[in-house]
Amino acid sequence: GNFGGSGGGAETITPKDGVEVELCHVNANADAACERIADLVAQFPTFVEGSVDATGEAHSATELVDLTQLAGEPGQTNWIASGNTNPVRLRWFVNTALRARSARALAVSDFKNKKFDVRVQVQSNAHRFADKLATEIVDAYFDLTDLVYESFQPFQFGAMRVPKNAVTFD
């Protein structure tokens, strides 16, 4: 900020004389997408807590480091299966995967069905299915959502406040 020194402040820039551009609001009509998303959610399989499809395998790694040879090549890393991963609600997996892809697709999706209450583990088949469902929901949302331009209520840009000495275009 400029705190009162020279060159501080703002000025008002008005639109060019004789140039009028009408703009309109744009809304997303997702009715068809909502129907398809509801079908995808209904077709999603039901998993049983503790079943093979709801259980994920955890892995751990070990590596031997020779402290007298730190400048040399790194040692061999050995990965071994060691138990199971932490369980979380299937709903959390789907919500997280959707949020990462599209907040709008998440907003029109409904996961209140109790089949999403089951606890499943990371890296399980259920986790993979949740990720796949999120991808299919986002694809359906963007393929089937139409943009609706509300041209019956146009609006125009008015004056704008900009910093003094800001770049202006003629």
C-alpha atoms as a PDB file:
ATOM      1  CA  GLY A   1       0.000   0.000   0.000  1.00  0.00           C
ATOM      2  CA  ASN A   2       0.978   3.580  -0.500  1.00  0.00           C
ATOM      3  CA  PHE A   3      -0.155   5.130   2.849  1.00  0.00           C
ATOM      4  CA  GLY A   4      -0.596   8.714   1.668  1.00  0.00           C
ATOM      5  CA  GLY A   5       2.473   9.182  -0.494  1.00  0.00           C
ATOM      6  CA  SER A   6       2.333  10.603  -3.987  1.00  0.00           C
ATOM      7  CA  GLY A   7       0.734   8.438  -6.614  1.00  0.00           C
ATOM      8  CA  GLY A   8      -1.619   6.726  -4.196  1.00  0.00           C
ATOM      9  CA  GLY A   9      -5.358   6.434  -4.465  1.00  0.00           C
ATOM     10  CA  ALA A  10      -7.731   5.358  -7.162  1.00  0.00           C
ATOM     11  CA  GLU A  11      -9.581   6.864 -10.057  1.00  0.00           C
ATOM     12  CA  THR A  12     -12.857   6.093 -11.768  1.00  0.00           C
ATOM     13  CA  ILE A  13     -12.847   4.787 -15.311  1.00  0.00           C
ATOM     14  CA  THR A  14     -16.126   4.880 -17.198  1.00  0.00           C
ATOM     15  CA  PRO A  15     -17.023   2.735 -20.205  1.00  0.00           C
ATOM     16  CA  LYS A  16     -16.231   4.160 -23.637  1.00  0.00           C
ATOM     17  CA  ASP A  17     -18.772   6.559 -25.082  1.00  0.00           C
ATOM     18  CA  GLY A  18     -20.986   4.992 -27.727  1.00  0.00           C
ATOM     19  CA  VAL A  19     -20.018   1.423 -26.834  1.00  0.00           C
ATOM     20  CA  GLU A  20     -22.678  -0.601 -25.082  1.00  0.00           C
ATOM     21  CA  VAL A  21     -22.308  -4.294 -24.408  1.00  0.00           C
ATOM     22  CA  GLU A  22     -25.110  -6.199 -22.767  1.00  0.00           C
ATOM     23  CA  LEU A  23     -24.010  -9.097 -20.613  1.00  0.00           C
ATOM     24  CA  CYS A  24     -26.172 -11.800 -19.106  1.00  0.00           C
ATOM     25  CA  HIS A  25     -26.056 -14.214 -16.219  1.00  0.00           C
ATOM     26  CA  VAL A  26     -25.121 -17.787 -17.070  1.00  0.00           C
ATOM     27  CA  ASN A  27     -26.649 -20.671 -15.132  1.00  0.00           C
ATOM     28  CA  ALA A  28     -26.029 -24.403 -15.316  1.00  0.00           C
ATOM     29  CA  ASN A  29     -29.060 -26.601 -16.017  1.00  0.00           C
ATOM     30  CA  ALA A  30     -28.012 -29.952 -14.558  1.00  0.00           C
ATOM     31  CA  ASP A  31     -31.392 -31.752 -14.607  1.00  0.00           C
ATOM     32  CA  ALA A  32     -30.276 -34.417 -17.105  1.00  0.00           C
ATOM     33  CA  ALA A  33     -26.964 -34.796 -15.273  1.00  0.00           C
ATOM     34  CA  CYS A  34     -28.753 -35.260 -11.934  1.00  0.00           C
ATOM     35  CA  GLU A  35     -30.844 -38.089 -13.384  1.00  0.00           C
ATOM     36  CA  ARG A  36     -27.764 -39.861 -14.760  1.00  0.00           C
ATOM     37  CA  ILE A  37     -25.837 -39.338 -11.507  1.00  0.00           C
ATOM     38  CA  ALA A  38     -28.746 -40.792  -9.515  1.00  0.00           C
ATOM     39  CA  ASP A  39     -28.650 -43.856 -11.808  1.00  0.00           C
ATOM     40  CA  LEU A  40     -24.889 -44.249 -11.292  1.00  0.00           C
ATOM     41  CA  VAL A  41     -25.289 -44.016  -7.507  1.00  0.00           C
ATOM     42  CA  ALA A  42     -28.164 -46.536  -7.564  1.00  0.00           C
ATOM     43  CA  GLN A  43     -26.074 -48.990  -9.629  1.00  0.00           C
ATOM     44  CA  PHE A  44     -23.083 -48.704  -7.308  1.00  0.00           C
ATOM     45  CA  PRO A  45     -22.491 -52.074  -5.607  1.00  0.00           C
ATOM     46  CA  THR A  46     -23.022 -52.696  -1.911  1.00  0.00           C
ATOM     47  CA  PHE A  47     -19.939 -53.726   0.053  1.00  0.00           C
ATOM     48  CA  VAL A  48     -19.797 -55.655   3.317  1.00  0.00           C
ATOM     49  CA  GLU A  49     -17.476 -54.404   6.033  1.00  0.00           C
ATOM     50  CA  GLY A  50     -14.578 -56.817   6.540  1.00  0.00           C
ATOM     51  CA  SER A  51     -15.132 -58.616   3.222  1.00  0.00           C
ATOM     52  CA  VAL A  52     -12.335 -59.184   0.722  1.00  0.00           C
ATOM     53  CA  ASP A  53     -13.554 -56.237  -1.392  1.00  0.00           C
ATOM     54  CA  ALA A  54     -13.607 -53.875   1.607  1.00  0.00           C
ATOM     55  CA  THR A  55     -10.164 -54.828   2.920  1.00  0.00           C
ATOM     56  CA  GLY A  56      -6.950 -53.195   1.736  1.00  0.00           C
ATOM     57  CA  GLU A  57      -3.443 -54.490   2.163  1.00  0.00           C
ATOM     58  CA  ALA A  58      -0.882 -52.248   3.857  1.00  0.00           C
ATOM     59  CA  HIS A  59       2.761 -52.288   2.820  1.00  0.00           C
ATOM     60  CA  SER A  60       5.899 -51.236   4.623  1.00  0.00           C
ATOM     61  CA  ALA A  61       9.416 -50.688   3.394  1.00  0.00           C
ATOM     62  CA  THR A  62      12.822 -51.343   4.851  1.00  0.00           C
ATOM     63  CA  GLU A  63      16.162 -50.146   3.596  1.00  0.00           C
ATOM     64  CA  LEU A  64      19.597 -50.798   5.058  1.00  0.00           C
ATOM     65  CA  VAL A  65      21.790 -47.668   5.066  1.00  0.00           C
ATOM     66  CA  ASP A  66      25.557 -48.059   5.443  1.00  0.00           C
ATOM     67  CA  LEU A  67      26.602 -44.960   7.407  1.00  0.00           C
ATOM     68  CA  THR A  68      30.212 -45.305   6.243  1.00  0.00           C
ATOM     69  CA  GLN A  69      29.146 -45.161   2.556  1.00  0.00           C
ATOM     70  CA  LEU A  70      26.638 -42.263   2.491  1.00  0.00           C
ATOM     71  CA  ALA A  71      27.975 -40.903  -0.811  1.00  0.00           C
ATOM     72  CA  GLY A  72      27.450 -44.242  -2.556  1.00  0.00           C
ATOM     73  CA  GLU A  73      24.423 -45.744  -4.248  1.00  0.00           C
ATOM     74  CA  PRO A  74      21.291 -46.051  -2.115  1.00  0.00           C
ATOM     75  CA  GLY A  75      20.506 -49.490  -0.818  1.00  0.00           C
ATOM     76  CA  GLN A  76      17.784 -51.821  -2.015  1.00  0.00           C
ATOM     77  CA  THR A  77      14.304 -50.944  -0.686  1.00  0.00           C
ATOM     78  CA  ASN A  78      12.277 -54.001   0.234  1.00  0.00           C
ATOM     79  CA  TRP A  79       8.479 -53.625   0.320  1.00  0.00           C
ATOM     80  CA  ILE A  80       6.478 -56.218   2.212  1.00  0.00           C
ATOM     81  CA  ALA A  81       2.774 -56.666   2.860  1.00  0.00           C
ATOM     82  CA  SER A  82       2.122 -56.041   6.522  1.00  0.00           C
ATOM     83  CA  GLY A  83      -1.486 -56.109   7.615  1.00  0.00           C
ATOM     84  CA  ASN A  84      -4.409 -53.951   6.651  1.00  0.00           C
ATOM     85  CA  THR A  85      -4.989 -50.260   6.071  1.00  0.00           C
ATOM     86  CA  ASN A  86      -7.195 -47.954   8.129  1.00  0.00           C
ATOM     87  CA  PRO A  87     -10.938 -48.144   7.500  1.00  0.00           C
ATOM     88  CA  VAL A  88     -13.053 -45.082   6.684  1.00  0.00           C
ATOM     89  CA  ARG A  89     -16.633 -44.629   5.490  1.00  0.00           C
ATOM     90  CA  LEU A  90     -17.142 -45.334   1.812  1.00  0.00           C
ATOM     91  CA  ARG A  91     -19.024 -42.012   1.629  1.00  0.00           C
ATOM     92  CA  TRP A  92     -15.797 -40.223   2.620  1.00  0.00           C
ATOM     93  CA  PHE A  93     -13.878 -41.855  -0.250  1.00  0.00           C
ATOM     94  CA  VAL A  94     -16.522 -40.851  -2.803  1.00  0.00           C
ATOM     95  CA  ASN A  95     -16.900 -37.301  -1.440  1.00  0.00           C
ATOM     96  CA  THR A  96     -13.140 -36.757  -1.369  1.00  0.00           C
ATOM     97  CA  ALA A  97     -12.653 -38.105  -4.897  1.00  0.00           C
ATOM     98  CA  LEU A  98     -15.505 -35.931  -6.191  1.00  0.00           C
ATOM     99  CA  ARG A  99     -14.332 -32.801  -4.375  1.00  0.00           C
ATOM    100  CA  ALA A 100     -10.899 -33.211  -5.983  1.00  0.00           C
ATOM    101  CA  ARG A 101     -12.499 -33.366  -9.440  1.00  0.00           C
ATOM    102  CA  SER A 102     -15.509 -31.020  -9.322  1.00  0.00           C
ATOM    103  CA  ALA A 103     -17.284 -29.268  -6.464  1.00  0.00           C
ATOM    104  CA  ARG A 104     -20.310 -28.710  -8.727  1.00  0.00           C
ATOM    105  CA  ALA A 105     -20.668 -32.426  -9.468  1.00  0.00           C
ATOM    106  CA  LEU A 106     -20.401 -33.120  -5.734  1.00  0.00           C
ATOM    107  CA  ALA A 107     -23.125 -30.553  -5.009  1.00  0.00           C
ATOM    108  CA  VAL A 108     -25.681 -32.372  -7.189  1.00  0.00           C
ATOM    109  CA  SER A 109     -24.785 -35.869  -5.923  1.00  0.00           C
ATOM    110  CA  ASP A 110     -26.611 -37.627  -3.088  1.00  0.00           C
ATOM    111  CA  PHE A 111     -24.808 -40.282  -1.031  1.00  0.00           C
ATOM    112  CA  LYS A 112     -27.306 -40.611   1.818  1.00  0.00           C
ATOM    113  CA  ASN A 113     -27.990 -44.255   0.958  1.00  0.00           C
ATOM    114  CA  LYS A 114     -26.825 -46.507   3.784  1.00  0.00           C
ATOM    115  CA  LYS A 115     -24.630 -48.531   1.401  1.00  0.00           C
ATOM    116  CA  PHE A 116     -22.174 -45.615   1.684  1.00  0.00           C
ATOM    117  CA  ASP A 117     -22.050 -45.997   5.504  1.00  0.00           C
ATOM    118  CA  VAL A 118     -19.926 -49.157   5.334  1.00  0.00           C
ATOM    119  CA  ARG A 119     -16.334 -48.858   6.545  1.00  0.00           C
ATOM    120  CA  VAL A 120     -13.818 -49.845   3.880  1.00  0.00           C
ATOM    121  CA  GLN A 121     -10.055 -49.662   3.758  1.00  0.00           C
ATOM    122  CA  VAL A 122      -7.646 -47.704   1.602  1.00  0.00           C
ATOM    123  CA  GLN A 123      -6.423 -49.658  -1.444  1.00  0.00           C
ATOM    124  CA  SER A 124      -9.427 -52.002  -1.300  1.00  0.00           C
ATOM    125  CA  ASN A 125     -11.625 -52.827  -4.276  1.00  0.00           C
ATOM    126  CA  ALA A 126     -14.336 -50.654  -2.705  1.00  0.00           C
ATOM    127  CA  HIS A 127     -11.896 -47.725  -2.630  1.00  0.00           C
ATOM    128  CA  ARG A 128     -11.132 -48.247  -6.330  1.00  0.00           C
ATOM    129  CA  PHE A 129     -14.858 -48.445  -7.141  1.00  0.00           C
ATOM    130  CA  ALA A 130     -15.442 -45.179  -5.240  1.00  0.00           C
ATOM    131  CA  ASP A 131     -12.756 -43.473  -7.319  1.00  0.00           C
ATOM    132  CA  LYS A 132     -14.267 -44.871 -10.528  1.00  0.00           C
ATOM    133  CA  LEU A 133     -17.744 -43.677  -9.470  1.00  0.00           C
ATOM    134  CA  ALA A 134     -16.399 -40.161  -8.883  1.00  0.00           C
ATOM    135  CA  THR A 135     -14.886 -40.106 -12.379  1.00  0.00           C
ATOM    136  CA  GLU A 136     -18.153 -41.313 -13.946  1.00  0.00           C
ATOM    137  CA  ILE A 137     -20.190 -38.735 -12.004  1.00  0.00           C
ATOM    138  CA  VAL A 138     -17.951 -35.873 -13.127  1.00  0.00           C
ATOM    139  CA  ASP A 139     -18.075 -37.082 -16.739  1.00  0.00           C
ATOM    140  CA  ALA A 140     -21.888 -37.275 -16.592  1.00  0.00           C
ATOM    141  CA  TYR A 141     -22.117 -33.835 -14.999  1.00  0.00           C
ATOM    142  CA  PHE A 142     -20.060 -32.093 -17.665  1.00  0.00           C
ATOM    143  CA  ASP A 143     -21.510 -34.079 -20.579  1.00  0.00           C
ATOM    144  CA  LEU A 144     -25.153 -33.542 -19.615  1.00  0.00           C
ATOM    145  CA  THR A 145     -25.187 -30.072 -18.042  1.00  0.00           C
ATOM    146  CA  ASP A 146     -26.298 -27.224 -20.292  1.00  0.00           C
ATOM    147  CA  LEU A 147     -25.417 -23.577 -19.886  1.00  0.00           C
ATOM    148  CA  VAL A 148     -28.465 -21.308 -19.848  1.00  0.00           C
ATOM    149  CA  TYR A 149     -27.967 -17.654 -20.726  1.00  0.00           C
ATOM    150  CA  GLU A 150     -30.512 -15.342 -19.082  1.00  0.00           C
ATOM    151  CA  SER A 151     -30.664 -12.796 -21.891  1.00  0.00           C
ATOM    152  CA  PHE A 152     -34.021 -11.383 -20.749  1.00  0.00           C
ATOM    153  CA  GLN A 153     -32.297  -9.600 -17.834  1.00  0.00           C
ATOM    154  CA  PRO A 154     -29.119  -8.128 -19.316  1.00  0.00           C
ATOM    155  CA  PHE A 155     -26.777  -5.969 -17.298  1.00  0.00           C
ATOM    156  CA  GLN A 156     -24.079  -3.506 -18.263  1.00  0.00           C
ATOM    157  CA  PHE A 157     -20.768  -2.697 -16.729  1.00  0.00           C
ATOM    158  CA  GLY A 158     -20.668   0.670 -15.052  1.00  0.00           C
ATOM    159  CA  ALA A 159     -17.753   2.704 -13.849  1.00  0.00           C
ATOM    160  CA  MET A 160     -14.792   0.889 -12.299  1.00  0.00           C
ATOM    161  CA  ARG A 161     -12.364   2.049  -9.606  1.00  0.00           C
ATOM    162  CA  VAL A 162      -8.743   1.312 -10.478  1.00  0.00           C
ATOM    163  CA  PRO A 163      -5.403   2.333  -8.937  1.00  0.00           C
ATOM    164  CA  LYS A 164      -3.966   5.586 -10.239  1.00  0.00           C
ATOM    165  CA  ASN A 165      -1.397   5.044 -12.970  1.00  0.00           C
ATOM    166  CA  ALA A 166      -2.912   1.640 -13.786  1.00  0.00           C
ATOM    167  CA  VAL A 167      -2.579   0.433 -17.353  1.00  0.00           C
ATOM    168  CA  THR A 168      -5.600   1.478 -19.420  1.00  0.00           C
ATOM    169  CA  PHE A 169      -6.554   0.449 -22.920  1.00  0.00           C
ATOM    170  CA  ASP A 170      -8.115   2.700 -25.542  1.00  0.00           C
END
